Amino acid sequence: PTTLPTGSVDDPHPWHERFDITEDRPVYKRYMTMYDRVVTFTPDNGEPHCLHYDVVGHPSCSFCFAVALPFHPATETTLAQVTVVREYAQGPNRLMYCFPSGGFDPRKHGSLRQCAEAEMAEEGMLVGGEVVSLLPEDHPGQSELKWSRNTFKPFLMIDPKEFRKLIAEGQVMLPSVFAFFLAQDVLQERRLI
């Protein structure tokens, strides 16, 4: 069994003093995987009891993802700004705003920092700038939700360059430039950007 860390909060419920994962098996898998997690709560005095929980996670992303916060410092003519993306959120079934973020793919990313940079380029159409990890290097990551195995690490991206500027500077290969302009028109027509 896996012993989860206990908090330092003075909790009146003694069964919170110790909890062990006694079973954790996948029961459904598609983009996300749902697990039937059995947790045994053991008080100092009394009988242990087990509870079943539905826990979700993304094993193909090593249960972790990165969030990029693209920050553009103020200039003489503009205030400081951040870049957000507007994307479809399937839970609430509507378009919502968020910072560029995505799952860690060990086939594509050597680190969560690289994952954050890739997501900023893919979703925010921004590259470069100073990358600042907002959590210590040895931090295991912030829990996404109480019923999720996923964790994430946020990164501040200071003064990234816009994709259009890179195109104008001749730094983007022609097939990507062509695809960018065609995709931008379609995305605008569909009101996705």
N, C-alpha and C. Protein backbone atom coordinates (compact mmCIF):
# COMPACT_ATOMS: atom_id res chain seq x y z
N PRO A 1 0.82 -1.20 0.00
CA PRO A 1 0.00 0.00 0.00
C PRO A 1 0.86 1.26 0.00
N THR A 2 0.33 2.31 -0.63
CA THR A 2 1.00 3.59 -0.67
C THR A 2 0.47 4.48 0.44
N THR A 3 1.35 5.03 1.26
CA THR A 3 0.92 5.94 2.31
C THR A 3 1.00 7.36 1.77
N LEU A 4 -0.11 8.06 1.80
CA LEU A 4 -0.14 9.44 1.35
C LEU A 4 0.29 10.34 2.49
N PRO A 5 0.91 11.49 2.20
CA PRO A 5 1.33 12.39 3.27
C PRO A 5 0.13 12.96 4.00
N THR A 6 0.26 13.11 5.30
CA THR A 6 -0.81 13.70 6.09
C THR A 6 -0.52 15.17 6.29
N GLY A 7 -1.55 15.95 6.47
CA GLY A 7 -1.39 17.38 6.66
C GLY A 7 -1.07 17.72 8.10
N SER A 8 -0.74 18.97 8.32
CA SER A 8 -0.43 19.43 9.67
C SER A 8 -1.63 20.11 10.31
N VAL A 9 -2.78 20.01 9.67
CA VAL A 9 -4.00 20.64 10.18
C VAL A 9 -4.53 19.81 11.34
N ASP A 10 -4.96 20.48 12.40
CA ASP A 10 -5.55 19.78 13.55
C ASP A 10 -6.96 19.37 13.16
N ASP A 11 -7.13 18.11 12.80
CA ASP A 11 -8.41 17.61 12.30
C ASP A 11 -9.10 16.78 13.37
N PRO A 12 -10.37 17.06 13.66
CA PRO A 12 -11.06 16.31 14.71
C PRO A 12 -11.43 14.89 14.31
N HIS A 13 -11.29 14.53 13.05
CA HIS A 13 -11.66 13.18 12.60
C HIS A 13 -10.43 12.28 12.64
N PRO A 14 -10.37 11.33 13.57
CA PRO A 14 -9.16 10.51 13.70
C PRO A 14 -8.86 9.65 12.50
N TRP A 15 -9.85 9.30 11.68
CA TRP A 15 -9.57 8.45 10.52
C TRP A 15 -8.75 9.18 9.47
N HIS A 16 -8.61 10.49 9.61
CA HIS A 16 -7.77 11.25 8.67
C HIS A 16 -6.29 11.13 9.01
N GLU A 17 -5.98 10.49 10.13
CA GLU A 17 -4.59 10.42 10.54
C GLU A 17 -3.76 9.51 9.65
N ARG A 18 -4.39 8.56 8.98
CA ARG A 18 -3.65 7.67 8.10
C ARG A 18 -4.57 7.14 7.02
N PHE A 19 -4.11 7.20 5.78
CA PHE A 19 -4.88 6.64 4.69
C PHE A 19 -3.93 6.00 3.70
N ASP A 20 -4.26 4.77 3.33
CA ASP A 20 -3.43 3.99 2.42
C ASP A 20 -4.23 3.62 1.18
N ILE A 21 -3.57 3.73 0.01
CA ILE A 21 -4.18 3.25 -1.23
C ILE A 21 -3.99 1.74 -1.25
N THR A 22 -5.09 1.02 -1.17
CA THR A 22 -4.99 -0.45 -1.16
C THR A 22 -5.30 -1.06 -2.52
N GLU A 23 -5.90 -0.27 -3.41
CA GLU A 23 -6.15 -0.72 -4.78
C GLU A 23 -6.30 0.52 -5.65
N ASP A 24 -5.78 0.44 -6.86
CA ASP A 24 -5.86 1.57 -7.79
C ASP A 24 -5.86 0.99 -9.20
N ARG A 25 -7.04 0.67 -9.72
CA ARG A 25 -7.09 -0.01 -11.01
C ARG A 25 -7.88 0.81 -12.03
N PRO A 26 -7.39 0.82 -13.28
CA PRO A 26 -8.11 1.52 -14.34
C PRO A 26 -9.44 0.84 -14.63
N VAL A 27 -10.50 1.62 -14.75
CA VAL A 27 -11.81 1.07 -15.09
C VAL A 27 -12.33 1.62 -16.42
N TYR A 28 -11.72 2.69 -16.92
CA TYR A 28 -12.11 3.26 -18.20
C TYR A 28 -10.93 4.04 -18.75
N LYS A 29 -10.67 3.92 -20.05
CA LYS A 29 -9.55 4.63 -20.64
C LYS A 29 -9.91 5.13 -22.03
N ARG A 30 -9.71 6.40 -22.24
CA ARG A 30 -9.77 7.02 -23.55
C ARG A 30 -8.73 8.13 -23.49
N TYR A 31 -9.13 9.39 -23.67
CA TYR A 31 -8.16 10.48 -23.53
C TYR A 31 -7.67 10.55 -22.09
N MET A 32 -8.60 10.47 -21.15
CA MET A 32 -8.27 10.39 -19.73
C MET A 32 -8.56 8.96 -19.28
N THR A 33 -7.97 8.59 -18.16
CA THR A 33 -8.22 7.27 -17.58
C THR A 33 -8.90 7.45 -16.24
N MET A 34 -9.95 6.67 -16.00
CA MET A 34 -10.61 6.69 -14.70
C MET A 34 -10.16 5.46 -13.93
N TYR A 35 -9.81 5.70 -12.67
CA TYR A 35 -9.36 4.64 -11.78
C TYR A 35 -10.37 4.44 -10.66
N ASP A 36 -10.53 3.19 -10.27
CA ASP A 36 -11.27 2.86 -9.04
C ASP A 36 -10.20 2.76 -7.96
N ARG A 37 -10.13 3.78 -7.12
CA ARG A 37 -9.13 3.82 -6.06
C ARG A 37 -9.79 3.44 -4.74
N VAL A 38 -9.24 2.42 -4.10
CA VAL A 38 -9.72 2.01 -2.78
C VAL A 38 -8.73 2.56 -1.76
N VAL A 39 -9.27 3.35 -0.83
CA VAL A 39 -8.44 3.95 0.22
C VAL A 39 -8.90 3.40 1.56
N THR A 40 -7.94 2.92 2.33
CA THR A 40 -8.23 2.42 3.67
C THR A 40 -7.85 3.50 4.68
N PHE A 41 -8.84 3.94 5.44
CA PHE A 41 -8.63 4.93 6.49
C PHE A 41 -8.44 4.18 7.80
N THR A 42 -7.35 4.45 8.49
CA THR A 42 -7.03 3.74 9.73
C THR A 42 -6.87 4.74 10.88
N PRO A 43 -7.81 4.76 11.82
CA PRO A 43 -7.67 5.65 12.97
C PRO A 43 -6.72 5.04 14.01
N ASP A 44 -6.25 5.86 14.93
CA ASP A 44 -5.41 5.33 16.02
C ASP A 44 -6.19 4.32 16.85
N ASN A 45 -7.45 4.62 17.10
CA ASN A 45 -8.31 3.73 17.88
C ASN A 45 -9.53 3.40 17.05
N GLY A 46 -9.78 2.17 16.81
CA GLY A 46 -10.96 1.79 16.04
C GLY A 46 -10.58 0.95 14.84
N GLU A 47 -11.60 0.56 14.11
CA GLU A 47 -11.43 -0.32 12.96
C GLU A 47 -11.15 0.48 11.69
N PRO A 48 -10.23 -0.01 10.85
CA PRO A 48 -10.03 0.63 9.55
C PRO A 48 -11.26 0.42 8.67
N HIS A 49 -11.50 1.36 7.78
CA HIS A 49 -12.58 1.17 6.82
C HIS A 49 -12.12 1.65 5.45
N CYS A 50 -12.70 1.06 4.41
CA CYS A 50 -12.30 1.33 3.03
C CYS A 50 -13.39 2.11 2.31
N LEU A 51 -12.95 3.01 1.45
CA LEU A 51 -13.85 3.77 0.59
C LEU A 51 -13.34 3.69 -0.84
N HIS A 52 -14.28 3.66 -1.79
CA HIS A 52 -13.94 3.68 -3.21
C HIS A 52 -14.08 5.10 -3.73
N TYR A 53 -13.11 5.52 -4.54
CA TYR A 53 -13.14 6.85 -5.15
C TYR A 53 -12.92 6.73 -6.65
N ASP A 54 -13.59 7.58 -7.41
CA ASP A 54 -13.30 7.73 -8.83
C ASP A 54 -12.20 8.77 -8.93
N VAL A 55 -11.07 8.38 -9.51
CA VAL A 55 -9.93 9.28 -9.67
C VAL A 55 -9.57 9.27 -11.15
N VAL A 56 -9.34 10.44 -11.74
CA VAL A 56 -8.98 10.52 -13.15
C VAL A 56 -7.53 10.96 -13.30
N GLY A 57 -6.97 10.64 -14.43
CA GLY A 57 -5.61 11.06 -14.72
C GLY A 57 -5.27 10.83 -16.17
N HIS A 58 -4.12 11.32 -16.57
CA HIS A 58 -3.67 11.23 -17.95
C HIS A 58 -2.33 10.50 -17.98
N PRO A 59 -2.35 9.14 -17.95
CA PRO A 59 -1.09 8.40 -17.87
C PRO A 59 -0.15 8.62 -19.05
N SER A 60 -0.69 8.85 -20.25
CA SER A 60 0.20 9.04 -21.40
C SER A 60 0.97 10.35 -21.32
N CYS A 61 0.55 11.23 -20.42
CA CYS A 61 1.27 12.50 -20.17
C CYS A 61 2.01 12.44 -18.84
N SER A 62 2.26 11.23 -18.35
CA SER A 62 2.95 11.04 -17.07
C SER A 62 2.25 11.76 -15.93
N PHE A 63 0.94 11.95 -16.06
CA PHE A 63 0.10 12.60 -15.05
C PHE A 63 0.57 14.02 -14.73
N CYS A 64 1.18 14.69 -15.72
CA CYS A 64 1.59 16.08 -15.44
C CYS A 64 1.48 16.93 -16.70
N PHE A 65 1.30 18.22 -16.47
CA PHE A 65 1.24 19.16 -17.58
C PHE A 65 1.86 20.49 -17.16
N ALA A 66 2.07 21.35 -18.13
CA ALA A 66 2.69 22.65 -17.89
C ALA A 66 1.71 23.76 -18.25
N VAL A 67 1.82 24.86 -17.54
CA VAL A 67 1.04 26.07 -17.83
C VAL A 67 2.04 27.18 -18.10
N ALA A 68 1.89 27.86 -19.24
CA ALA A 68 2.77 28.98 -19.60
C ALA A 68 2.01 30.29 -19.43
N LEU A 69 2.58 31.21 -18.70
CA LEU A 69 1.98 32.53 -18.52
C LEU A 69 2.83 33.53 -19.30
N PRO A 70 2.46 33.83 -20.56
CA PRO A 70 3.23 34.77 -21.37
C PRO A 70 3.00 36.21 -20.91
N PHE A 71 4.05 36.84 -20.44
CA PHE A 71 3.99 38.21 -19.92
C PHE A 71 4.76 39.14 -20.83
N HIS A 72 4.12 40.24 -21.21
CA HIS A 72 4.73 41.23 -22.08
C HIS A 72 4.93 42.51 -21.27
N PRO A 73 6.18 42.88 -20.97
CA PRO A 73 6.42 44.07 -20.15
C PRO A 73 5.88 45.33 -20.81
N ALA A 74 5.61 46.32 -19.98
CA ALA A 74 5.13 47.61 -20.48
C ALA A 74 6.21 48.26 -21.35
N THR A 75 5.75 49.01 -22.33
CA THR A 75 6.66 49.81 -23.16
C THR A 75 6.24 51.26 -23.01
N GLU A 76 6.87 52.12 -23.77
CA GLU A 76 6.50 53.54 -23.73
C GLU A 76 5.08 53.76 -24.21
N THR A 77 4.58 52.86 -25.05
CA THR A 77 3.25 53.07 -25.65
C THR A 77 2.19 52.07 -25.19
N THR A 78 2.57 51.02 -24.48
CA THR A 78 1.59 50.02 -24.05
C THR A 78 1.78 49.66 -22.58
N LEU A 79 0.69 49.26 -21.96
CA LEU A 79 0.74 48.75 -20.60
C LEU A 79 1.25 47.31 -20.62
N ALA A 80 1.68 46.82 -19.48
CA ALA A 80 2.07 45.41 -19.39
C ALA A 80 0.85 44.55 -19.73
N GLN A 81 1.09 43.43 -20.38
CA GLN A 81 0.00 42.56 -20.82
C GLN A 81 0.37 41.09 -20.62
N VAL A 82 -0.65 40.24 -20.61
CA VAL A 82 -0.44 38.80 -20.65
C VAL A 82 -1.22 38.26 -21.85
N THR A 83 -0.79 37.14 -22.36
CA THR A 83 -1.49 36.48 -23.46
C THR A 83 -2.33 35.34 -22.90
N VAL A 84 -3.59 35.31 -23.27
CA VAL A 84 -4.46 34.19 -22.93
C VAL A 84 -4.99 33.59 -24.23
N VAL A 85 -5.41 32.36 -24.16
CA VAL A 85 -6.03 31.72 -25.33
C VAL A 85 -7.48 31.42 -24.99
N ARG A 86 -8.28 31.39 -26.01
CA ARG A 86 -9.69 31.05 -25.86
C ARG A 86 -9.90 29.72 -26.54
N GLU A 87 -10.36 28.74 -25.77
CA GLU A 87 -10.52 27.41 -26.33
C GLU A 87 -11.78 26.75 -25.79
N TYR A 88 -12.19 25.73 -26.50
CA TYR A 88 -13.38 24.99 -26.12
C TYR A 88 -13.12 24.18 -24.86
N ALA A 89 -13.98 24.33 -23.87
CA ALA A 89 -13.91 23.55 -22.63
C ALA A 89 -15.08 22.58 -22.64
N GLN A 90 -14.77 21.29 -22.75
CA GLN A 90 -15.82 20.29 -22.93
C GLN A 90 -16.70 20.09 -21.71
N GLY A 91 -16.19 20.31 -20.51
CA GLY A 91 -17.01 20.16 -19.29
C GLY A 91 -18.18 21.13 -19.26
N PRO A 92 -17.90 22.45 -19.27
CA PRO A 92 -18.99 23.42 -19.28
C PRO A 92 -19.61 23.63 -20.66
N ASN A 93 -19.01 23.02 -21.71
CA ASN A 93 -19.51 23.12 -23.08
C ASN A 93 -19.57 24.56 -23.57
N ARG A 94 -18.44 25.26 -23.42
CA ARG A 94 -18.38 26.64 -23.91
C ARG A 94 -16.93 27.03 -24.14
N LEU A 95 -16.74 28.14 -24.83
CA LEU A 95 -15.40 28.69 -25.01
C LEU A 95 -14.99 29.40 -23.73
N MET A 96 -13.77 29.15 -23.30
CA MET A 96 -13.26 29.78 -22.08
C MET A 96 -11.83 30.24 -22.33
N TYR A 97 -11.35 31.12 -21.46
CA TYR A 97 -9.99 31.64 -21.56
C TYR A 97 -9.06 30.89 -20.61
N CYS A 98 -7.83 30.74 -21.02
CA CYS A 98 -6.82 30.13 -20.16
C CYS A 98 -5.44 30.53 -20.68
N PHE A 99 -4.43 30.24 -19.90
CA PHE A 99 -3.07 30.40 -20.38
C PHE A 99 -2.71 29.17 -21.20
N PRO A 100 -1.78 29.30 -22.15
CA PRO A 100 -1.36 28.13 -22.91
C PRO A 100 -0.91 27.01 -21.96
N SER A 101 -1.45 25.84 -22.16
CA SER A 101 -1.10 24.71 -21.29
C SER A 101 -1.29 23.41 -22.03
N GLY A 102 -0.58 22.39 -21.57
CA GLY A 102 -0.72 21.09 -22.22
C GLY A 102 0.06 20.02 -21.50
N GLY A 103 -0.24 18.78 -21.85
CA GLY A 103 0.34 17.62 -21.21
C GLY A 103 1.78 17.37 -21.61
N PHE A 104 2.53 16.86 -20.66
CA PHE A 104 3.92 16.47 -20.88
C PHE A 104 3.95 15.18 -21.69
N ASP A 105 4.60 15.22 -22.84
CA ASP A 105 4.74 14.04 -23.69
C ASP A 105 6.22 13.66 -23.71
N PRO A 106 6.59 12.57 -23.05
CA PRO A 106 8.01 12.21 -22.98
C PRO A 106 8.65 11.94 -24.34
N ARG A 107 7.84 11.70 -25.38
CA ARG A 107 8.39 11.51 -26.73
C ARG A 107 8.79 12.84 -27.36
N LYS A 108 8.17 13.95 -26.91
CA LYS A 108 8.43 15.26 -27.51
C LYS A 108 9.16 16.22 -26.58
N HIS A 109 8.98 16.07 -25.28
CA HIS A 109 9.51 17.05 -24.32
C HIS A 109 10.57 16.41 -23.42
N GLY A 110 11.67 17.09 -23.26
CA GLY A 110 12.70 16.63 -22.34
C GLY A 110 12.44 17.06 -20.91
N SER A 111 11.53 18.04 -20.75
CA SER A 111 11.22 18.56 -19.42
C SER A 111 9.88 19.28 -19.47
N LEU A 112 9.35 19.59 -18.31
CA LEU A 112 8.11 20.38 -18.27
C LEU A 112 8.35 21.79 -18.79
N ARG A 113 9.55 22.32 -18.61
CA ARG A 113 9.89 23.63 -19.17
C ARG A 113 9.75 23.60 -20.70
N GLN A 114 10.27 22.56 -21.33
CA GLN A 114 10.13 22.43 -22.79
C GLN A 114 8.67 22.28 -23.18
N CYS A 115 7.91 21.57 -22.36
CA CYS A 115 6.47 21.42 -22.61
C CYS A 115 5.80 22.79 -22.58
N ALA A 116 6.13 23.62 -21.59
CA ALA A 116 5.55 24.96 -21.49
C ALA A 116 5.92 25.81 -22.70
N GLU A 117 7.16 25.73 -23.14
CA GLU A 117 7.59 26.49 -24.31
C GLU A 117 6.85 26.03 -25.56
N ALA A 118 6.66 24.72 -25.71
CA ALA A 118 5.94 24.18 -26.87
C ALA A 118 4.48 24.62 -26.86
N GLU A 119 3.84 24.60 -25.69
CA GLU A 119 2.44 25.01 -25.60
C GLU A 119 2.29 26.50 -25.88
N MET A 120 3.24 27.30 -25.41
CA MET A 120 3.19 28.73 -25.68
C MET A 120 3.29 28.99 -27.18
N ALA A 121 4.14 28.23 -27.86
CA ALA A 121 4.28 28.39 -29.31
C ALA A 121 3.04 27.89 -30.04
N GLU A 122 2.52 26.73 -29.62
CA GLU A 122 1.38 26.12 -30.30
C GLU A 122 0.09 26.90 -30.06
N GLU A 123 -0.21 27.21 -28.81
CA GLU A 123 -1.50 27.84 -28.49
C GLU A 123 -1.43 29.37 -28.48
N GLY A 124 -0.31 29.91 -28.03
CA GLY A 124 -0.19 31.36 -27.93
C GLY A 124 0.51 32.00 -29.11
N MET A 125 1.07 31.15 -30.01
CA MET A 125 1.82 31.62 -31.16
C MET A 125 2.92 32.59 -30.74
N LEU A 126 3.60 32.25 -29.66
CA LEU A 126 4.69 33.04 -29.11
C LEU A 126 5.88 32.13 -28.88
N VAL A 127 7.08 32.67 -29.06
CA VAL A 127 8.29 31.90 -28.79
C VAL A 127 9.32 32.79 -28.13
N GLY A 128 10.28 32.16 -27.49
CA GLY A 128 11.40 32.88 -26.90
C GLY A 128 11.07 33.55 -25.59
N GLY A 129 11.95 34.43 -25.19
CA GLY A 129 11.80 35.14 -23.93
C GLY A 129 12.43 34.36 -22.79
N GLU A 130 12.46 34.99 -21.64
CA GLU A 130 13.01 34.36 -20.44
C GLU A 130 11.96 33.43 -19.82
N VAL A 131 12.37 32.23 -19.47
CA VAL A 131 11.46 31.26 -18.86
C VAL A 131 11.80 31.16 -17.37
N VAL A 132 10.79 31.40 -16.53
CA VAL A 132 10.98 31.36 -15.08
C VAL A 132 10.03 30.31 -14.50
N SER A 133 10.59 29.30 -13.86
CA SER A 133 9.76 28.31 -13.18
C SER A 133 9.16 28.95 -11.94
N LEU A 134 7.86 28.82 -11.76
CA LEU A 134 7.19 29.45 -10.62
C LEU A 134 7.12 28.52 -9.41
N LEU A 135 7.64 27.32 -9.55
CA LEU A 135 7.76 26.39 -8.42
C LEU A 135 9.21 25.93 -8.35
N PRO A 136 9.69 25.55 -7.17
CA PRO A 136 11.06 25.04 -7.08
C PRO A 136 11.25 23.82 -7.97
N GLU A 137 12.46 23.63 -8.44
CA GLU A 137 12.77 22.53 -9.36
C GLU A 137 12.36 21.17 -8.81
N ASP A 138 12.53 20.96 -7.50
CA ASP A 138 12.22 19.67 -6.91
C ASP A 138 10.76 19.54 -6.46
N HIS A 139 9.95 20.54 -6.75
CA HIS A 139 8.53 20.50 -6.37
C HIS A 139 7.82 19.43 -7.21
N PRO A 140 6.96 18.60 -6.61
CA PRO A 140 6.29 17.55 -7.38
C PRO A 140 5.19 18.05 -8.31
N GLY A 141 4.83 19.31 -8.21
CA GLY A 141 3.76 19.87 -9.03
C GLY A 141 2.50 20.09 -8.21
N GLN A 142 1.73 21.08 -8.62
CA GLN A 142 0.47 21.41 -7.95
C GLN A 142 -0.61 20.43 -8.40
N SER A 143 -1.39 19.94 -7.47
CA SER A 143 -2.48 19.04 -7.81
C SER A 143 -3.51 19.79 -8.66
N GLU A 144 -3.92 19.17 -9.76
CA GLU A 144 -4.89 19.81 -10.66
C GLU A 144 -6.26 19.94 -9.99
N LEU A 145 -6.77 18.87 -9.46
CA LEU A 145 -8.07 18.83 -8.79
C LEU A 145 -8.01 17.76 -7.71
N LYS A 146 -8.91 17.83 -6.76
CA LYS A 146 -8.84 16.86 -5.66
C LYS A 146 -9.12 15.43 -6.11
N TRP A 147 -9.80 15.24 -7.23
CA TRP A 147 -10.12 13.89 -7.70
C TRP A 147 -9.30 13.52 -8.93
N SER A 148 -8.13 14.14 -9.09
CA SER A 148 -7.28 13.89 -10.25
C SER A 148 -5.87 13.49 -9.80
N ARG A 149 -5.26 12.59 -10.55
CA ARG A 149 -3.86 12.23 -10.31
C ARG A 149 -2.91 13.23 -10.95
N ASN A 150 -3.43 14.08 -11.84
CA ASN A 150 -2.59 15.01 -12.58
C ASN A 150 -2.05 16.13 -11.69
N THR A 151 -0.82 16.53 -12.01
CA THR A 151 -0.22 17.71 -11.39
C THR A 151 0.26 18.62 -12.51
N PHE A 152 0.52 19.88 -12.16
CA PHE A 152 1.05 20.80 -13.16
C PHE A 152 2.08 21.72 -12.53
N LYS A 153 2.92 22.26 -13.40
CA LYS A 153 3.89 23.28 -12.99
C LYS A 153 3.68 24.50 -13.87
N PRO A 154 3.58 25.68 -13.24
CA PRO A 154 3.43 26.91 -14.01
C PRO A 154 4.79 27.55 -14.31
N PHE A 155 4.87 28.18 -15.47
CA PHE A 155 6.08 28.87 -15.90
C PHE A 155 5.72 30.26 -16.38
N LEU A 156 6.49 31.24 -15.96
CA LEU A 156 6.34 32.61 -16.43
C LEU A 156 7.24 32.79 -17.63
N MET A 157 6.68 33.26 -18.74
CA MET A 157 7.44 33.50 -19.96
C MET A 157 7.52 35.01 -20.15
N ILE A 158 8.69 35.58 -19.89
CA ILE A 158 8.83 37.03 -19.92
C ILE A 158 9.27 37.48 -21.30
N ASP A 159 8.47 38.36 -21.90
CA ASP A 159 8.76 39.01 -23.17
C ASP A 159 8.95 38.04 -24.34
N PRO A 160 8.00 37.10 -24.55
CA PRO A 160 8.12 36.23 -25.72
C PRO A 160 7.83 37.01 -27.00
N LYS A 161 8.34 36.52 -28.11
CA LYS A 161 8.10 37.17 -29.39
C LYS A 161 6.84 36.61 -30.03
N GLU A 162 6.12 37.48 -30.70
CA GLU A 162 4.93 37.03 -31.40
C GLU A 162 5.32 36.27 -32.66
N PHE A 163 4.52 35.28 -32.98
CA PHE A 163 4.76 34.44 -34.15
C PHE A 163 4.80 35.29 -35.42
N ARG A 164 3.91 36.27 -35.53
CA ARG A 164 3.89 37.13 -36.72
C ARG A 164 5.22 37.88 -36.89
N LYS A 165 5.80 38.32 -35.77
CA LYS A 165 7.07 39.03 -35.86
C LYS A 165 8.16 38.10 -36.38
N LEU A 166 8.13 36.85 -35.94
CA LEU A 166 9.10 35.87 -36.43
C LEU A 166 8.92 35.62 -37.92
N ILE A 167 7.66 35.61 -38.38
CA ILE A 167 7.40 35.45 -39.81
C ILE A 167 8.00 36.63 -40.57
N ALA A 168 7.72 37.84 -40.09
CA ALA A 168 8.23 39.05 -40.75
C ALA A 168 9.76 39.08 -40.77
N GLU A 169 10.38 38.49 -39.77
CA GLU A 169 11.84 38.45 -39.71
C GLU A 169 12.42 37.32 -40.55
N GLY A 170 11.55 36.53 -41.20
CA GLY A 170 12.02 35.44 -42.05
C GLY A 170 12.53 34.23 -41.28
N GLN A 171 12.08 34.05 -40.04
CA GLN A 171 12.58 32.95 -39.21
C GLN A 171 11.67 31.72 -39.23
N VAL A 172 10.58 31.76 -39.98
CA VAL A 172 9.64 30.64 -40.01
C VAL A 172 9.61 30.07 -41.42
N MET A 173 9.68 28.75 -41.53
CA MET A 173 9.69 28.09 -42.84
C MET A 173 8.37 28.34 -43.56
N LEU A 174 8.45 28.47 -44.89
CA LEU A 174 7.30 28.82 -45.72
C LEU A 174 6.08 27.91 -45.51
N PRO A 175 6.21 26.58 -45.42
CA PRO A 175 5.01 25.76 -45.19
C PRO A 175 4.28 26.14 -43.90
N SER A 176 5.04 26.48 -42.86
CA SER A 176 4.41 26.87 -41.60
C SER A 176 3.74 28.23 -41.71
N VAL A 177 4.36 29.15 -42.45
CA VAL A 177 3.76 30.47 -42.66
C VAL A 177 2.44 30.32 -43.41
N PHE A 178 2.47 29.52 -44.48
CA PHE A 178 1.27 29.29 -45.29
C PHE A 178 0.17 28.68 -44.44
N ALA A 179 0.51 27.63 -43.67
CA ALA A 179 -0.48 26.97 -42.81
C ALA A 179 -1.03 27.93 -41.77
N PHE A 180 -0.17 28.77 -41.21
CA PHE A 180 -0.59 29.74 -40.19
C PHE A 180 -1.65 30.68 -40.75
N PHE A 181 -1.40 31.26 -41.92
CA PHE A 181 -2.36 32.22 -42.48
C PHE A 181 -3.66 31.56 -42.89
N LEU A 182 -3.60 30.38 -43.48
CA LEU A 182 -4.84 29.68 -43.84
C LEU A 182 -5.62 29.28 -42.59
N ALA A 183 -4.93 28.76 -41.59
CA ALA A 183 -5.60 28.34 -40.35
C ALA A 183 -6.20 29.54 -39.62
N GLN A 184 -5.49 30.65 -39.62
CA GLN A 184 -6.00 31.84 -38.94
C GLN A 184 -7.33 32.29 -39.54
N ASP A 185 -7.44 32.27 -40.86
CA ASP A 185 -8.70 32.66 -41.51
C ASP A 185 -9.84 31.73 -41.10
N VAL A 186 -9.59 30.43 -41.13
CA VAL A 186 -10.63 29.46 -40.76
C VAL A 186 -11.02 29.62 -39.29
N LEU A 187 -10.03 29.77 -38.42
CA LEU A 187 -10.31 29.92 -36.98
C LEU A 187 -11.11 31.19 -36.71
N GLN A 188 -10.80 32.27 -37.44
CA GLN A 188 -11.57 33.51 -37.27
C GLN A 188 -13.00 33.34 -37.78
N GLU A 189 -13.16 32.68 -38.94
CA GLU A 189 -14.50 32.44 -39.48
C GLU A 189 -15.35 31.62 -38.51
N ARG A 190 -14.73 30.67 -37.84
CA ARG A 190 -15.46 29.83 -36.89
C ARG A 190 -15.54 30.45 -35.49
N ARG A 191 -15.02 31.64 -35.36
CA ARG A 191 -15.02 32.39 -34.08
C ARG A 191 -14.31 31.64 -32.96
N LEU A 192 -13.25 30.95 -33.32
CA LEU A 192 -12.43 30.24 -32.33
C LEU A 192 -11.27 31.11 -31.85
N ILE A 193 -10.96 32.16 -32.61
CA ILE A 193 -9.97 33.15 -32.16
C ILE A 193 -10.51 34.54 -32.45
